[in-house]
Amino acid sequence: MSRLVELHSRKAARILDSARGLVLDHGAGKVTVSEISRAAGVGKGTVYLHWPSKEDLIRGLFARDLLALMEEGIARITADPGMVRPRRLAPLVVRTGSRLPLGGRLRNGEPELLRLLMQDPATASCTPAPGRPPCATRSCRSCAVTA
């Protein structure tokens, strides 16, 4: 599991809270790191100290929502093992997921948030040459080589 930086840093927790509010109010595509840092009362460098990019920060927000969904599901299944049956589990997942803030943004069709979540971070900076598949690492030298 990834390191939850906000558990060890009040500033990181403040940045996440500010980012969540801005993304919910304005959408992922319209929020900048400058706005997030200003709302959190920190410098841009502090944001980048914890997350290498705005995209990683937003993925982190969504991952935390997903973790909350999973924790609630595990608690319900532990209390009632019959919840693992698909006819009972599927409605629980949908109901729980619909209460998560960023899940609501996805349901309302925010294309930038969906793009961020579907993009593989390992190949996000990859610019493959025509006819070549993207590389599997952040080192994209092989992709930049023209055929």
N, C-alpha and C. Protein backbone atom coordinates (compact mmCIF):
# COMPACT_ATOMS: atom_id res chain seq x y z
N MET A 1 0.85 -1.18 0.00
CA MET A 1 0.00 0.00 0.00
C MET A 1 0.89 1.24 0.00
N SER A 2 0.45 2.29 -0.67
CA SER A 2 1.26 3.50 -0.75
C SER A 2 1.27 4.22 0.60
N ARG A 3 2.29 5.01 0.78
CA ARG A 3 2.47 5.78 2.00
C ARG A 3 1.42 6.89 2.02
N LEU A 4 0.67 6.99 3.11
CA LEU A 4 -0.32 8.05 3.25
C LEU A 4 0.36 9.22 3.95
N VAL A 5 0.90 10.11 3.17
CA VAL A 5 1.73 11.20 3.66
C VAL A 5 0.98 12.08 4.66
N GLU A 6 -0.31 12.21 4.50
CA GLU A 6 -1.07 13.09 5.38
C GLU A 6 -1.15 12.57 6.81
N LEU A 7 -0.84 11.29 7.02
CA LEU A 7 -0.84 10.76 8.38
C LEU A 7 0.34 11.27 9.19
N HIS A 8 1.39 11.71 8.52
CA HIS A 8 2.60 12.14 9.19
C HIS A 8 2.89 13.63 9.03
N SER A 9 2.06 14.33 8.30
CA SER A 9 2.32 15.74 8.03
C SER A 9 1.01 16.53 8.04
N ARG A 10 0.93 17.48 8.96
CA ARG A 10 -0.27 18.34 9.00
C ARG A 10 -0.40 19.18 7.74
N LYS A 11 0.75 19.60 7.21
CA LYS A 11 0.72 20.39 5.98
C LYS A 11 0.16 19.56 4.82
N ALA A 12 0.60 18.32 4.72
CA ALA A 12 0.10 17.45 3.64
C ALA A 12 -1.40 17.24 3.80
N ALA A 13 -1.86 17.06 5.03
CA ALA A 13 -3.30 16.88 5.26
C ALA A 13 -4.05 18.15 4.85
N ARG A 14 -3.48 19.32 5.16
CA ARG A 14 -4.11 20.59 4.77
C ARG A 14 -4.15 20.74 3.26
N ILE A 15 -3.07 20.33 2.60
CA ILE A 15 -3.02 20.39 1.13
C ILE A 15 -4.11 19.50 0.54
N LEU A 16 -4.24 18.28 1.05
CA LEU A 16 -5.27 17.37 0.54
C LEU A 16 -6.66 17.93 0.77
N ASP A 17 -6.92 18.47 1.96
CA ASP A 17 -8.24 19.05 2.23
C ASP A 17 -8.54 20.20 1.27
N SER A 18 -7.54 21.06 1.06
CA SER A 18 -7.74 22.19 0.15
C SER A 18 -7.95 21.71 -1.28
N ALA A 19 -7.14 20.75 -1.70
CA ALA A 19 -7.27 20.22 -3.06
C ALA A 19 -8.64 19.58 -3.26
N ARG A 20 -9.09 18.81 -2.27
CA ARG A 20 -10.40 18.16 -2.39
C ARG A 20 -11.49 19.21 -2.58
N GLY A 21 -11.47 20.25 -1.77
CA GLY A 21 -12.49 21.28 -1.88
C GLY A 21 -12.46 21.97 -3.24
N LEU A 22 -11.27 22.31 -3.71
CA LEU A 22 -11.16 22.98 -5.01
C LEU A 22 -11.59 22.08 -6.16
N VAL A 23 -11.18 20.82 -6.12
CA VAL A 23 -11.56 19.88 -7.18
C VAL A 23 -13.08 19.68 -7.19
N LEU A 24 -13.67 19.57 -6.01
CA LEU A 24 -15.12 19.40 -5.95
C LEU A 24 -15.85 20.64 -6.43
N ASP A 25 -15.31 21.81 -6.13
CA ASP A 25 -15.97 23.05 -6.54
C ASP A 25 -15.76 23.39 -8.01
N HIS A 26 -14.55 23.16 -8.52
CA HIS A 26 -14.21 23.65 -9.85
C HIS A 26 -13.87 22.57 -10.88
N GLY A 27 -13.61 21.36 -10.43
CA GLY A 27 -13.21 20.28 -11.34
C GLY A 27 -11.71 20.14 -11.40
N ALA A 28 -11.25 18.94 -11.67
CA ALA A 28 -9.81 18.63 -11.68
C ALA A 28 -9.07 19.40 -12.75
N GLY A 29 -9.67 19.62 -13.89
CA GLY A 29 -8.99 20.28 -14.99
C GLY A 29 -8.78 21.76 -14.78
N LYS A 30 -9.57 22.38 -13.93
CA LYS A 30 -9.49 23.84 -13.77
C LYS A 30 -8.70 24.26 -12.54
N VAL A 31 -8.30 23.31 -11.71
CA VAL A 31 -7.57 23.63 -10.49
C VAL A 31 -6.07 23.59 -10.77
N THR A 32 -5.35 24.56 -10.24
CA THR A 32 -3.90 24.60 -10.41
C THR A 32 -3.20 24.34 -9.07
N VAL A 33 -1.94 23.95 -9.13
CA VAL A 33 -1.16 23.75 -7.91
C VAL A 33 -1.04 25.07 -7.16
N SER A 34 -0.94 26.17 -7.87
CA SER A 34 -0.88 27.49 -7.22
C SER A 34 -2.13 27.74 -6.38
N GLU A 35 -3.30 27.43 -6.93
CA GLU A 35 -4.54 27.62 -6.18
C GLU A 35 -4.60 26.70 -4.96
N ILE A 36 -4.16 25.47 -5.15
CA ILE A 36 -4.16 24.51 -4.04
C ILE A 36 -3.23 24.99 -2.93
N SER A 37 -2.02 25.41 -3.31
CA SER A 37 -1.06 25.85 -2.29
C SER A 37 -1.56 27.10 -1.57
N ARG A 38 -2.15 28.02 -2.31
CA ARG A 38 -2.68 29.25 -1.71
C ARG A 38 -3.80 28.91 -0.72
N ALA A 39 -4.71 28.02 -1.12
CA ALA A 39 -5.82 27.64 -0.23
C ALA A 39 -5.32 26.91 1.02
N ALA A 40 -4.24 26.17 0.89
CA ALA A 40 -3.69 25.42 2.02
C ALA A 40 -2.76 26.27 2.87
N GLY A 41 -2.39 27.45 2.38
CA GLY A 41 -1.49 28.32 3.13
C GLY A 41 -0.05 27.84 3.13
N VAL A 42 0.36 27.21 2.02
CA VAL A 42 1.74 26.73 1.87
C VAL A 42 2.27 27.17 0.52
N GLY A 43 3.57 27.04 0.33
CA GLY A 43 4.17 27.36 -0.96
C GLY A 43 3.98 26.21 -1.94
N LYS A 44 4.08 26.53 -3.23
CA LYS A 44 3.97 25.48 -4.25
C LYS A 44 5.00 24.39 -4.04
N GLY A 45 6.19 24.76 -3.62
CA GLY A 45 7.25 23.78 -3.39
C GLY A 45 6.86 22.74 -2.35
N THR A 46 6.07 23.15 -1.37
CA THR A 46 5.61 22.20 -0.34
C THR A 46 4.67 21.17 -0.95
N VAL A 47 3.82 21.60 -1.86
CA VAL A 47 2.94 20.64 -2.54
C VAL A 47 3.79 19.64 -3.31
N TYR A 48 4.77 20.15 -4.07
CA TYR A 48 5.63 19.26 -4.87
C TYR A 48 6.55 18.40 -4.01
N LEU A 49 6.77 18.81 -2.78
CA LEU A 49 7.57 17.99 -1.86
C LEU A 49 6.85 16.67 -1.58
N HIS A 50 5.52 16.71 -1.53
CA HIS A 50 4.73 15.53 -1.21
C HIS A 50 4.20 14.79 -2.43
N TRP A 51 3.91 15.52 -3.52
CA TRP A 51 3.38 14.92 -4.74
C TRP A 51 4.13 15.49 -5.93
N PRO A 52 4.63 14.64 -6.82
CA PRO A 52 5.42 15.14 -7.94
C PRO A 52 4.63 15.96 -8.96
N SER A 53 3.31 15.83 -8.96
CA SER A 53 2.50 16.57 -9.93
C SER A 53 1.08 16.74 -9.40
N LYS A 54 0.36 17.65 -10.03
CA LYS A 54 -1.05 17.83 -9.67
C LYS A 54 -1.82 16.54 -9.92
N GLU A 55 -1.46 15.86 -11.00
CA GLU A 55 -2.14 14.61 -11.33
C GLU A 55 -1.95 13.56 -10.23
N ASP A 56 -0.73 13.46 -9.70
CA ASP A 56 -0.49 12.52 -8.61
C ASP A 56 -1.27 12.90 -7.36
N LEU A 57 -1.37 14.17 -7.09
CA LEU A 57 -2.15 14.63 -5.94
C LEU A 57 -3.63 14.25 -6.11
N ILE A 58 -4.17 14.45 -7.29
CA ILE A 58 -5.58 14.12 -7.53
C ILE A 58 -5.79 12.62 -7.49
N ARG A 59 -4.84 11.85 -8.04
CA ARG A 59 -4.94 10.39 -7.92
C ARG A 59 -4.93 9.98 -6.45
N GLY A 60 -4.12 10.67 -5.66
CA GLY A 60 -4.07 10.39 -4.22
C GLY A 60 -5.40 10.66 -3.54
N LEU A 61 -6.07 11.74 -3.94
CA LEU A 61 -7.39 12.04 -3.39
C LEU A 61 -8.37 10.92 -3.71
N PHE A 62 -8.34 10.48 -4.97
CA PHE A 62 -9.26 9.42 -5.37
C PHE A 62 -8.93 8.11 -4.66
N ALA A 63 -7.63 7.83 -4.50
CA ALA A 63 -7.22 6.61 -3.81
C ALA A 63 -7.73 6.61 -2.37
N ARG A 64 -7.73 7.76 -1.72
CA ARG A 64 -8.22 7.84 -0.36
C ARG A 64 -9.72 7.58 -0.31
N ASP A 65 -10.46 8.09 -1.29
CA ASP A 65 -11.89 7.77 -1.37
C ASP A 65 -12.08 6.27 -1.57
N LEU A 66 -11.27 5.69 -2.44
CA LEU A 66 -11.37 4.26 -2.69
C LEU A 66 -11.04 3.45 -1.44
N LEU A 67 -10.03 3.87 -0.70
CA LEU A 67 -9.69 3.20 0.56
C LEU A 67 -10.85 3.27 1.55
N ALA A 68 -11.50 4.42 1.62
CA ALA A 68 -12.66 4.58 2.51
C ALA A 68 -13.77 3.62 2.10
N LEU A 69 -13.99 3.50 0.79
CA LEU A 69 -14.99 2.57 0.27
C LEU A 69 -14.66 1.13 0.67
N MET A 70 -13.39 0.77 0.51
CA MET A 70 -12.98 -0.59 0.83
C MET A 70 -13.07 -0.86 2.33
N GLU A 71 -12.68 0.10 3.15
CA GLU A 71 -12.75 -0.08 4.60
C GLU A 71 -14.19 -0.28 5.05
N GLU A 72 -15.10 0.50 4.50
CA GLU A 72 -16.51 0.33 4.86
C GLU A 72 -17.02 -1.03 4.40
N GLY A 73 -16.65 -1.44 3.19
CA GLY A 73 -17.07 -2.75 2.69
C GLY A 73 -16.53 -3.89 3.55
N ILE A 74 -15.28 -3.80 3.94
CA ILE A 74 -14.67 -4.84 4.79
C ILE A 74 -15.38 -4.90 6.14
N ALA A 75 -15.68 -3.74 6.70
CA ALA A 75 -16.38 -3.71 7.99
C ALA A 75 -17.76 -4.35 7.87
N ARG A 76 -18.46 -4.05 6.79
CA ARG A 76 -19.80 -4.63 6.59
C ARG A 76 -19.73 -6.14 6.38
N ILE A 77 -18.75 -6.59 5.60
CA ILE A 77 -18.60 -8.02 5.34
C ILE A 77 -18.18 -8.76 6.61
N THR A 78 -17.33 -8.14 7.41
CA THR A 78 -16.92 -8.75 8.67
C THR A 78 -18.11 -8.91 9.60
N ALA A 79 -18.96 -7.90 9.64
CA ALA A 79 -20.15 -7.96 10.50
C ALA A 79 -21.20 -8.93 9.97
N ASP A 80 -21.26 -9.08 8.65
CA ASP A 80 -22.25 -9.95 8.02
C ASP A 80 -21.61 -10.66 6.84
N PRO A 81 -21.02 -11.85 7.06
CA PRO A 81 -20.32 -12.57 5.98
C PRO A 81 -21.19 -12.83 4.75
N GLY A 82 -22.50 -12.83 4.90
CA GLY A 82 -23.38 -13.03 3.76
C GLY A 82 -23.32 -11.89 2.75
N MET A 83 -22.70 -10.77 3.14
CA MET A 83 -22.58 -9.62 2.23
C MET A 83 -21.69 -9.92 1.03
N VAL A 84 -20.90 -10.99 1.08
CA VAL A 84 -20.01 -11.29 -0.05
C VAL A 84 -20.79 -11.79 -1.26
N ARG A 85 -22.02 -12.15 -1.07
CA ARG A 85 -22.83 -12.59 -2.21
C ARG A 85 -23.02 -11.40 -3.16
N PRO A 86 -22.78 -11.62 -4.44
CA PRO A 86 -22.85 -10.50 -5.40
C PRO A 86 -24.15 -9.71 -5.35
N ARG A 87 -25.26 -10.39 -5.15
CA ARG A 87 -26.54 -9.66 -5.14
C ARG A 87 -26.65 -8.71 -3.95
N ARG A 88 -25.84 -8.93 -2.92
CA ARG A 88 -25.82 -8.03 -1.77
C ARG A 88 -24.62 -7.07 -1.81
N LEU A 89 -23.52 -7.54 -2.35
CA LEU A 89 -22.30 -6.74 -2.36
C LEU A 89 -22.36 -5.60 -3.39
N ALA A 90 -22.88 -5.91 -4.57
CA ALA A 90 -22.93 -4.89 -5.63
C ALA A 90 -23.71 -3.65 -5.20
N PRO A 91 -24.92 -3.80 -4.63
CA PRO A 91 -25.62 -2.59 -4.19
C PRO A 91 -24.87 -1.83 -3.09
N LEU A 92 -24.19 -2.56 -2.21
CA LEU A 92 -23.40 -1.90 -1.16
C LEU A 92 -22.30 -1.05 -1.78
N VAL A 93 -21.60 -1.60 -2.75
CA VAL A 93 -20.51 -0.87 -3.39
C VAL A 93 -21.05 0.37 -4.10
N VAL A 94 -22.15 0.23 -4.81
CA VAL A 94 -22.73 1.38 -5.53
C VAL A 94 -23.20 2.45 -4.55
N ARG A 95 -23.91 2.04 -3.49
CA ARG A 95 -24.39 3.02 -2.50
C ARG A 95 -23.23 3.73 -1.81
N THR A 96 -22.24 2.96 -1.39
CA THR A 96 -21.10 3.55 -0.70
C THR A 96 -20.31 4.45 -1.64
N GLY A 97 -20.07 3.97 -2.84
CA GLY A 97 -19.32 4.76 -3.82
C GLY A 97 -20.01 6.05 -4.19
N SER A 98 -21.33 6.05 -4.21
CA SER A 98 -22.06 7.26 -4.59
C SER A 98 -21.96 8.34 -3.52
N ARG A 99 -21.60 7.95 -2.30
CA ARG A 99 -21.45 8.94 -1.23
C ARG A 99 -20.05 9.57 -1.21
N LEU A 100 -19.11 8.99 -1.94
CA LEU A 100 -17.76 9.53 -1.95
C LEU A 100 -17.70 10.75 -2.84
N PRO A 101 -17.11 11.84 -2.35
CA PRO A 101 -17.15 13.11 -3.10
C PRO A 101 -16.61 13.03 -4.52
N LEU A 102 -15.43 12.47 -4.71
CA LEU A 102 -14.88 12.43 -6.07
C LEU A 102 -15.64 11.45 -6.95
N GLY A 103 -16.25 10.45 -6.35
CA GLY A 103 -17.12 9.55 -7.11
C GLY A 103 -18.28 10.31 -7.73
N GLY A 104 -18.78 11.30 -7.00
CA GLY A 104 -19.85 12.15 -7.53
C GLY A 104 -19.39 12.95 -8.73
N ARG A 105 -18.15 13.44 -8.70
CA ARG A 105 -17.62 14.18 -9.85
C ARG A 105 -17.53 13.27 -11.07
N LEU A 106 -17.13 12.01 -10.84
CA LEU A 106 -17.06 11.05 -11.95
C LEU A 106 -18.45 10.76 -12.50
N ARG A 107 -19.41 10.56 -11.62
CA ARG A 107 -20.78 10.27 -12.04
C ARG A 107 -21.34 11.41 -12.88
N ASN A 108 -20.95 12.63 -12.55
CA ASN A 108 -21.45 13.79 -13.29
C ASN A 108 -20.69 14.03 -14.57
N GLY A 109 -19.76 13.13 -14.88
CA GLY A 109 -19.10 13.15 -16.18
C GLY A 109 -17.99 14.16 -16.34
N GLU A 110 -17.10 14.27 -15.34
CA GLU A 110 -15.97 15.19 -15.50
C GLU A 110 -14.87 14.49 -16.28
N PRO A 111 -14.66 14.88 -17.55
CA PRO A 111 -13.71 14.17 -18.40
C PRO A 111 -12.26 14.26 -17.92
N GLU A 112 -11.84 15.40 -17.35
CA GLU A 112 -10.45 15.54 -16.91
C GLU A 112 -10.14 14.59 -15.76
N LEU A 113 -11.06 14.45 -14.82
CA LEU A 113 -10.85 13.54 -13.70
C LEU A 113 -10.80 12.10 -14.20
N LEU A 114 -11.67 11.74 -15.10
CA LEU A 114 -11.66 10.40 -15.66
C LEU A 114 -10.35 10.14 -16.41
N ARG A 115 -9.88 11.11 -17.18
CA ARG A 115 -8.62 10.96 -17.91
C ARG A 115 -7.46 10.73 -16.94
N LEU A 116 -7.42 11.52 -15.88
CA LEU A 116 -6.35 11.38 -14.89
C LEU A 116 -6.34 9.99 -14.25
N LEU A 117 -7.51 9.51 -13.95
CA LEU A 117 -7.60 8.22 -13.26
C LEU A 117 -7.31 7.05 -14.19
N MET A 118 -7.57 7.22 -15.47
CA MET A 118 -7.34 6.13 -16.41
C MET A 118 -5.93 6.12 -16.97
N GLN A 119 -5.22 7.23 -16.80
CA GLN A 119 -3.87 7.34 -17.34
C GLN A 119 -2.90 6.55 -16.45
N ASP A 120 -2.08 5.75 -17.06
CA ASP A 120 -1.06 4.99 -16.33
C ASP A 120 0.07 5.94 -15.99
N PRO A 121 0.31 6.21 -14.69
CA PRO A 121 1.37 7.15 -14.32
C PRO A 121 2.74 6.75 -14.86
N ALA A 122 2.99 5.48 -15.05
CA ALA A 122 4.30 5.03 -15.53
C ALA A 122 4.56 5.47 -16.96
N THR A 123 3.51 5.69 -17.73
CA THR A 123 3.70 6.09 -19.12
C THR A 123 3.15 7.48 -19.40
N ALA A 124 2.82 8.23 -18.36
CA ALA A 124 2.19 9.54 -18.54
C ALA A 124 3.08 10.49 -19.33
N SER A 125 4.39 10.42 -19.14
CA SER A 125 5.26 11.35 -19.85
C SER A 125 5.82 10.75 -21.13
N CYS A 126 5.35 9.59 -21.49
CA CYS A 126 5.87 8.85 -22.63
C CYS A 126 5.31 9.43 -23.94
N THR A 127 6.18 9.69 -24.89
CA THR A 127 5.76 10.14 -26.20
C THR A 127 6.34 9.16 -27.22
N PRO A 128 5.63 8.07 -27.49
CA PRO A 128 6.19 7.06 -28.39
C PRO A 128 6.27 7.56 -29.82
N ALA A 129 7.26 7.06 -30.51
CA ALA A 129 7.37 7.34 -31.94
C ALA A 129 6.20 6.67 -32.65
N PRO A 130 5.81 7.17 -33.80
CA PRO A 130 4.70 6.56 -34.53
C PRO A 130 4.94 5.06 -34.75
N GLY A 131 3.93 4.28 -34.45
CA GLY A 131 4.01 2.84 -34.64
C GLY A 131 4.68 2.09 -33.51
N ARG A 132 5.10 2.79 -32.46
CA ARG A 132 5.74 2.13 -31.32
C ARG A 132 4.83 2.23 -30.10
N PRO A 133 4.80 1.16 -29.30
CA PRO A 133 3.99 1.22 -28.08
C PRO A 133 4.70 2.07 -27.02
N PRO A 134 3.94 2.64 -26.07
CA PRO A 134 4.58 3.40 -24.99
C PRO A 134 5.47 2.48 -24.15
N CYS A 135 6.51 3.04 -23.59
CA CYS A 135 7.40 2.23 -22.75
C CYS A 135 6.73 1.96 -21.40
N ALA A 136 7.31 1.06 -20.65
CA ALA A 136 6.74 0.68 -19.36
C ALA A 136 7.40 1.39 -18.19
N THR A 137 8.29 2.31 -18.46
CA THR A 137 8.96 3.02 -17.38
C THR A 137 8.86 4.51 -17.63
N ARG A 138 9.31 5.31 -16.67
CA ARG A 138 9.32 6.76 -16.85
C ARG A 138 10.50 7.21 -17.72
N SER A 139 11.41 6.30 -18.01
CA SER A 139 12.54 6.62 -18.88
C SER A 139 12.09 6.36 -20.31
N CYS A 140 11.85 7.39 -21.04
CA CYS A 140 11.22 7.25 -22.35
C CYS A 140 12.18 7.42 -23.51
N ARG A 141 13.45 7.17 -23.31
CA ARG A 141 14.42 7.31 -24.41
C ARG A 141 14.05 6.44 -25.59
N SER A 142 13.60 5.23 -25.31
CA SER A 142 13.29 4.32 -26.42
C SER A 142 12.07 4.80 -27.21
N CYS A 143 11.17 5.50 -26.54
CA CYS A 143 9.98 5.99 -27.24
C CYS A 143 10.30 7.16 -28.15
N ALA A 144 11.26 7.98 -27.74
CA ALA A 144 11.58 9.18 -28.50
C ALA A 144 12.39 8.85 -29.75
N VAL A 145 12.93 7.65 -29.83
CA VAL A 145 13.71 7.26 -31.00
C VAL A 145 12.75 7.13 -32.18
N THR A 146 13.03 7.81 -33.26
CA THR A 146 12.15 7.75 -34.41
C THR A 146 12.46 6.51 -35.24
N ALA A 147 11.44 5.99 -35.84
CA ALA A 147 11.59 4.76 -36.64
C ALA A 147 12.25 5.05 -37.95
